[in-house]
Amino acid sequence: MGQMLRLAVFVAIAGCTHARPPPPRCPAELTLTVQSKTLGEKRVINVYLPPDYAKGSARYPVLYMLDGGLGEDFPHVAGSVDVSIKNAVIRPVIVVGIENTERRRDLIGPTTVADEQRAAPHAGGTARFRTFLRDEVKPLIAARYRVTNESALIGESLAGLFVVETFLVEPTLFDGYIAADPSVWWNEQAVIHDVNARLAAWSAGAKALYIATSEEQEGITALLAALRIVAPAGVTWTYEPMPSEHHNTIFPIAALRGIRTLFAVE
C-alpha cells in the first residue's frame, strides 16, 4: 500500500469502530471511571466477567482490549468471548476494555513523516499509555477481581500497532498479544527497525503472538521473517492472512480467531 493511500485510509478510519456501524450494545458487568495520575485525565474502563464468576472462587486470566468503549469494540469482543466460553471453545476469561479519549495520542509513537504529523499532531504517547496500563489499570483489576497472573492484550489498526510495539519494547507487560491489521507502516515502519536485535536479546520468557492481516504488509513480512530466524525460546506466534477481509471488516473475525488461539481449552 502506497504512502498516500495509507494516509487516506488512516484518516478515514483512524477512529476504528467509529467507521463501522455501531455493534449491538452488550452491557458491561461493570463500568469504572478512573482518575489517571499518569495520563492526567479520567478514563472509562468496561469489565466483562465470565458466566460462572459469581458462583465460585476461581481465578481467571484477563484479556485487556484497546478501543474498549461500549461504543467501540467492547460489545463484540465481549460477546465473542461469552459465546466461546459457553460453547467450551476457550477457557473462561475476564475482558477489560479501555475506552479512548485521544486515540491518535495514546496508541501511536512519534513520527517524522510530515503527512502523519498533520494527521496525528499529538502522536507519541505510547510509553505513557503503557505506564497507565502497567501501574494503574492492571493493579486496579487485580485488586477488584479474582485474576490469575495470565493476561493478554488485543487491538486492531492503530491499536494493533500498539500491541506489536508493546510485544517488542515491553514484552513482560502481557503474556499474549493479538494484533489485527496492525498499522506497522506508521513512521516508515519504525516499530520493526530493530526487531532482530530485540528478539536476539529477548529475556521476557514465554509469550504468544497472534497477527492477522487483510493484505500483505512489508512491515509484517519483515517481522515474521525475524520471528522465523531468531524467535526466542518459548515464544509462539501465529500469522493468519485474511485476504477476503478489508481493514474495516477484519477485526470481528481476527479477534475471535486470536482469542480462540490464545485461550484455547487445554
Protein backbone atom coordinates (compact mmCIF):
# COMPACT_ATOMS: atom_id res chain seq x y z
CA MET A 1 0.00 0.00 0.00
CA GLY A 2 1.46 3.38 -1.03
CA GLN A 3 2.18 6.09 1.50
CA MET A 4 -0.61 8.43 0.30
CA LEU A 5 -3.16 5.61 0.20
CA ARG A 6 -2.15 4.53 3.70
CA LEU A 7 -2.66 8.08 4.95
CA ALA A 8 -6.06 8.28 3.28
CA VAL A 9 -7.08 5.03 4.95
CA PHE A 10 -5.62 6.23 8.25
CA VAL A 11 -7.55 9.50 8.20
CA ALA A 12 -10.75 7.79 7.11
CA ILE A 13 -10.77 5.04 9.71
CA ALA A 14 -8.48 6.21 12.49
CA GLY A 15 -11.50 6.12 14.75
CA CYS A 16 -11.51 2.33 14.30
CA THR A 17 -15.00 1.10 15.16
CA HIS A 18 -16.46 4.58 14.69
CA ALA A 19 -16.09 3.99 10.93
CA ARG A 20 -18.27 0.88 11.15
CA PRO A 21 -21.93 0.64 12.09
CA PRO A 22 -22.20 0.52 15.89
CA PRO A 23 -22.25 -3.09 17.17
CA PRO A 24 -25.16 -4.34 19.27
CA ARG A 25 -24.91 -2.97 22.78
CA CYS A 26 -23.51 -5.55 25.17
CA PRO A 27 -23.73 -4.32 28.77
CA ALA A 28 -20.53 -4.47 30.77
CA GLU A 29 -20.61 -6.25 34.09
CA LEU A 30 -19.25 -3.02 35.46
CA THR A 31 -18.12 0.32 34.10
CA LEU A 32 -15.38 2.01 36.11
CA THR A 33 -14.23 5.61 35.93
CA VAL A 34 -10.58 6.06 36.86
CA GLN A 35 -8.78 9.32 37.51
CA SER A 36 -5.42 8.55 35.98
CA LYS A 37 -2.40 10.23 37.53
CA THR A 38 -0.25 9.05 34.64
CA LEU A 39 -2.48 10.50 31.91
CA GLY A 40 -3.87 13.38 33.92
CA GLU A 41 -7.47 12.65 32.96
CA LYS A 42 -10.45 10.46 33.72
CA ARG A 43 -10.62 7.16 31.85
CA VAL A 44 -13.52 4.77 31.43
CA ILE A 45 -12.93 1.02 31.80
CA ASN A 46 -15.52 -1.65 30.98
CA VAL A 47 -15.36 -5.12 32.50
CA TYR A 48 -16.90 -8.39 31.32
CA LEU A 49 -16.94 -11.29 33.79
CA PRO A 50 -17.31 -14.92 32.68
CA PRO A 51 -20.68 -16.63 33.24
CA ASP A 52 -19.76 -18.56 36.39
CA TYR A 53 -17.71 -15.82 38.04
CA ALA A 54 -20.24 -15.19 40.83
CA LYS A 55 -20.74 -18.89 41.54
CA GLY A 56 -17.35 -19.76 42.96
CA SER A 57 -13.89 -18.62 43.94
CA ALA A 58 -11.95 -19.48 40.78
CA ARG A 59 -9.44 -17.02 39.38
CA TYR A 60 -9.35 -16.07 35.72
CA PRO A 61 -6.91 -14.74 33.13
CA VAL A 62 -7.58 -11.25 31.79
CA LEU A 63 -7.86 -10.02 28.21
CA TYR A 64 -7.14 -6.28 28.07
CA MET A 65 -8.53 -4.61 24.99
CA LEU A 66 -7.83 -1.27 23.39
CA ASP A 67 -10.71 0.63 21.75
CA GLY A 68 -12.66 -0.83 24.65
CA GLY A 69 -15.62 1.55 24.97
CA LEU A 70 -19.26 0.46 24.81
CA GLY A 71 -19.50 2.48 21.60
CA GLU A 72 -16.25 0.99 20.31
CA ASP A 73 -15.15 -2.66 20.11
CA PHE A 74 -16.01 -3.86 23.62
CA PRO A 75 -19.51 -5.23 22.80
CA HIS A 76 -18.50 -7.57 20.00
CA VAL A 77 -15.30 -8.77 21.70
CA ALA A 78 -17.12 -9.43 24.98
CA GLY A 79 -19.89 -11.15 23.02
CA SER A 80 -17.41 -13.38 21.17
CA VAL A 81 -15.73 -14.28 24.45
CA ASP A 82 -19.07 -15.04 26.11
CA VAL A 83 -20.24 -17.34 23.31
CA SER A 84 -16.85 -19.08 23.14
CA ILE A 85 -16.85 -19.72 26.89
CA LYS A 86 -20.41 -21.05 26.87
CA ASN A 87 -19.53 -23.39 24.00
CA ALA A 88 -16.39 -24.58 25.83
CA VAL A 89 -14.17 -23.35 23.00
CA ILE A 90 -11.99 -21.21 25.24
CA ARG A 91 -11.12 -21.06 28.91
CA PRO A 92 -13.17 -18.55 30.93
CA VAL A 93 -11.55 -15.13 30.79
CA ILE A 94 -12.26 -11.64 32.11
CA VAL A 95 -12.33 -8.88 29.47
CA VAL A 96 -11.22 -5.35 30.38
CA GLY A 97 -11.88 -2.66 27.79
CA ILE A 98 -10.15 0.73 27.95
CA GLU A 99 -12.22 3.43 26.27
CA ASN A 100 -10.43 6.02 24.14
CA THR A 101 -10.13 9.70 24.81
CA GLU A 102 -7.45 10.66 22.25
CA ARG A 103 -6.65 7.57 20.22
CA ARG A 104 -4.02 9.13 17.97
CA ARG A 105 -2.09 10.31 21.02
CA ASP A 106 -2.09 7.15 23.12
CA LEU A 107 -1.74 4.35 20.59
CA ILE A 108 0.97 5.54 18.19
CA GLY A 109 4.54 6.65 18.61
CA PRO A 110 6.03 9.87 17.25
CA THR A 111 6.59 10.20 13.52
CA THR A 112 8.95 12.09 11.25
CA VAL A 113 6.59 11.79 8.27
CA ALA A 114 5.04 15.19 7.58
CA ASP A 115 1.63 13.88 6.44
CA GLU A 116 1.41 11.68 9.53
CA GLN A 117 2.36 14.58 11.79
CA ARG A 118 -0.50 16.62 10.32
CA ALA A 119 -2.96 13.72 10.72
CA ALA A 120 -1.89 12.99 14.30
CA PRO A 121 -0.27 16.10 15.83
CA HIS A 122 -0.30 14.67 19.36
CA ALA A 123 1.16 11.26 18.48
CA GLY A 124 3.85 9.85 20.73
CA GLY A 125 2.03 8.80 23.89
CA THR A 126 2.59 5.06 23.76
CA ALA A 127 5.16 4.87 26.56
CA ARG A 128 2.93 6.88 28.88
CA PHE A 129 -0.11 4.78 27.96
CA ARG A 130 1.84 1.61 28.75
CA THR A 131 2.68 3.11 32.14
CA PHE A 132 -1.04 3.70 32.66
CA LEU A 133 -1.79 0.05 31.83
CA ARG A 134 1.07 -1.32 33.95
CA ASP A 135 0.84 0.91 37.03
CA GLU A 136 -2.85 1.79 37.19
CA VAL A 137 -5.18 -0.45 35.18
CA LYS A 138 -3.67 -3.85 35.91
CA PRO A 139 -3.31 -3.24 39.68
CA LEU A 140 -6.88 -1.91 39.80
CA ILE A 141 -8.27 -5.03 38.11
CA ALA A 142 -6.16 -7.32 40.30
CA ALA A 143 -7.49 -5.59 43.42
CA ARG A 144 -11.16 -5.74 42.41
CA TYR A 145 -11.44 -9.14 40.69
CA ARG A 146 -10.18 -12.69 41.08
CA VAL A 147 -7.47 -12.83 38.45
CA THR A 148 -4.55 -15.09 37.70
CA ASN A 149 -1.14 -13.84 36.61
CA GLU A 150 -2.02 -14.53 32.96
CA SER A 151 -3.01 -11.61 30.76
CA ALA A 152 -3.21 -10.67 27.09
CA LEU A 153 -3.63 -7.52 25.00
CA ILE A 154 -5.76 -7.14 21.87
CA GLY A 155 -6.11 -4.33 19.33
CA GLU A 156 -6.72 -3.51 15.69
CA SER A 157 -5.22 -0.99 13.25
CA LEU A 158 -3.50 1.72 15.32
CA ALA A 159 -4.32 -0.32 18.42
CA GLY A 160 -2.77 -3.31 16.66
CA LEU A 161 0.37 -1.24 16.13
CA PHE A 162 0.40 -0.55 19.88
CA VAL A 163 0.08 -4.30 20.51
CA VAL A 164 3.07 -5.08 18.25
CA GLU A 165 5.12 -2.25 19.76
CA THR A 166 4.39 -3.45 23.29
CA PHE A 167 5.33 -7.01 22.36
CA LEU A 168 8.69 -5.72 21.16
CA VAL A 169 9.56 -2.97 23.66
CA GLU A 170 7.92 -4.21 26.89
CA PRO A 171 7.02 -7.88 26.34
CA THR A 172 6.78 -8.64 30.06
CA LEU A 173 3.66 -6.48 30.36
CA PHE A 174 1.42 -9.26 28.98
CA ASP A 175 1.66 -12.97 28.24
CA GLY A 176 -0.26 -12.90 24.96
CA TYR A 177 -0.63 -10.38 22.15
CA ILE A 178 -3.35 -10.22 19.47
CA ALA A 179 -2.88 -7.71 16.63
CA ALA A 180 -5.41 -7.37 13.81
CA ASP A 181 -4.22 -5.46 10.74
CA PRO A 182 -1.62 -3.55 12.78
CA SER A 183 -0.54 -0.26 11.18
CA VAL A 184 3.15 -1.14 11.22
CA TRP A 185 3.69 1.19 8.25
CA TRP A 186 3.50 4.13 10.70
CA ASN A 187 6.62 6.32 10.72
CA GLU A 188 8.22 4.33 7.90
CA GLN A 189 7.86 1.04 9.82
CA ALA A 190 9.92 2.35 12.74
CA VAL A 191 8.40 -0.20 15.10
CA ILE A 192 10.21 -3.07 13.41
CA HIS A 193 13.51 -1.38 12.54
CA ASP A 194 15.38 -3.10 15.37
CA VAL A 195 13.23 -6.22 15.62
CA ASN A 196 16.12 -8.65 15.07
CA ALA A 197 18.19 -7.09 17.86
CA ARG A 198 15.23 -7.06 20.25
CA LEU A 199 14.42 -10.71 19.60
CA ALA A 200 18.08 -11.71 19.85
CA ALA A 201 18.32 -10.00 23.27
CA TRP A 202 14.98 -11.40 24.48
CA SER A 203 14.75 -12.07 28.22
CA ALA A 204 10.95 -11.97 28.70
CA GLY A 205 10.40 -15.72 28.61
CA ALA A 206 7.43 -17.48 27.05
CA LYS A 207 4.96 -15.26 25.14
CA ALA A 208 2.29 -15.83 22.50
CA LEU A 209 1.70 -13.56 19.50
CA TYR A 210 -1.21 -13.71 17.05
CA ILE A 211 -1.32 -11.48 13.95
CA ALA A 212 -3.95 -11.31 11.21
CA THR A 213 -3.86 -9.02 8.18
CA SER A 214 -6.28 -8.18 5.38
CA GLU A 215 -3.48 -7.58 2.90
CA GLU A 216 0.24 -8.16 2.66
CA GLN A 217 2.32 -5.57 4.51
CA GLU A 218 6.07 -5.14 4.16
CA GLY A 219 6.46 -4.49 7.87
CA ILE A 220 4.58 -7.62 8.86
CA THR A 221 6.62 -9.63 6.36
CA ALA A 222 9.82 -8.35 7.97
CA LEU A 223 8.53 -9.10 11.48
CA LEU A 224 7.55 -12.65 10.52
CA ALA A 225 10.92 -13.20 8.85
CA ALA A 226 12.67 -12.11 12.04
CA LEU A 227 10.50 -14.44 14.13
CA ARG A 228 11.34 -17.36 11.85
CA ILE A 229 15.05 -16.70 12.19
CA VAL A 230 15.52 -15.51 15.77
CA ALA A 231 12.31 -16.36 17.62
CA PRO A 232 13.30 -16.65 21.29
CA ALA A 233 12.76 -19.95 23.07
CA GLY A 234 9.23 -20.19 24.36
CA VAL A 235 7.81 -17.53 22.04
CA THR A 236 4.98 -18.94 19.93
CA TRP A 237 3.44 -16.99 17.10
CA THR A 238 0.59 -17.44 14.66
CA TYR A 239 0.02 -15.47 11.48
CA GLU A 240 -3.28 -15.67 9.60
CA PRO A 241 -3.65 -13.74 6.36
CA MET A 242 -7.29 -12.88 5.65
CA PRO A 243 -7.28 -11.56 2.06
CA SER A 244 -11.07 -11.81 1.75
CA GLU A 245 -11.45 -9.21 4.51
CA HIS A 246 -10.83 -5.46 4.43
CA HIS A 247 -9.27 -3.21 7.03
CA ASN A 248 -12.68 -2.18 8.33
CA THR A 249 -14.13 -5.72 8.39
CA ILE A 250 -11.30 -7.87 9.70
CA PHE A 251 -11.47 -7.23 13.43
CA PRO A 252 -14.52 -9.29 14.49
CA ILE A 253 -13.13 -12.35 12.71
CA ALA A 254 -9.49 -11.81 13.68
CA ALA A 255 -10.42 -11.08 17.29
CA LEU A 256 -12.39 -14.31 17.56
CA ARG A 257 -9.59 -16.34 15.94
CA GLY A 258 -6.92 -14.72 18.10
CA ILE A 259 -8.86 -15.19 21.33
CA ARG A 260 -9.55 -18.83 20.50
CA THR A 261 -5.87 -19.34 19.74
CA LEU A 262 -4.52 -17.78 22.93
CA PHE A 263 -7.20 -19.04 25.32
CA ALA A 264 -7.94 -22.44 23.79
CA VAL A 265 -9.28 -25.08 26.14
CA GLU A 266 -6.30 -27.08 27.37
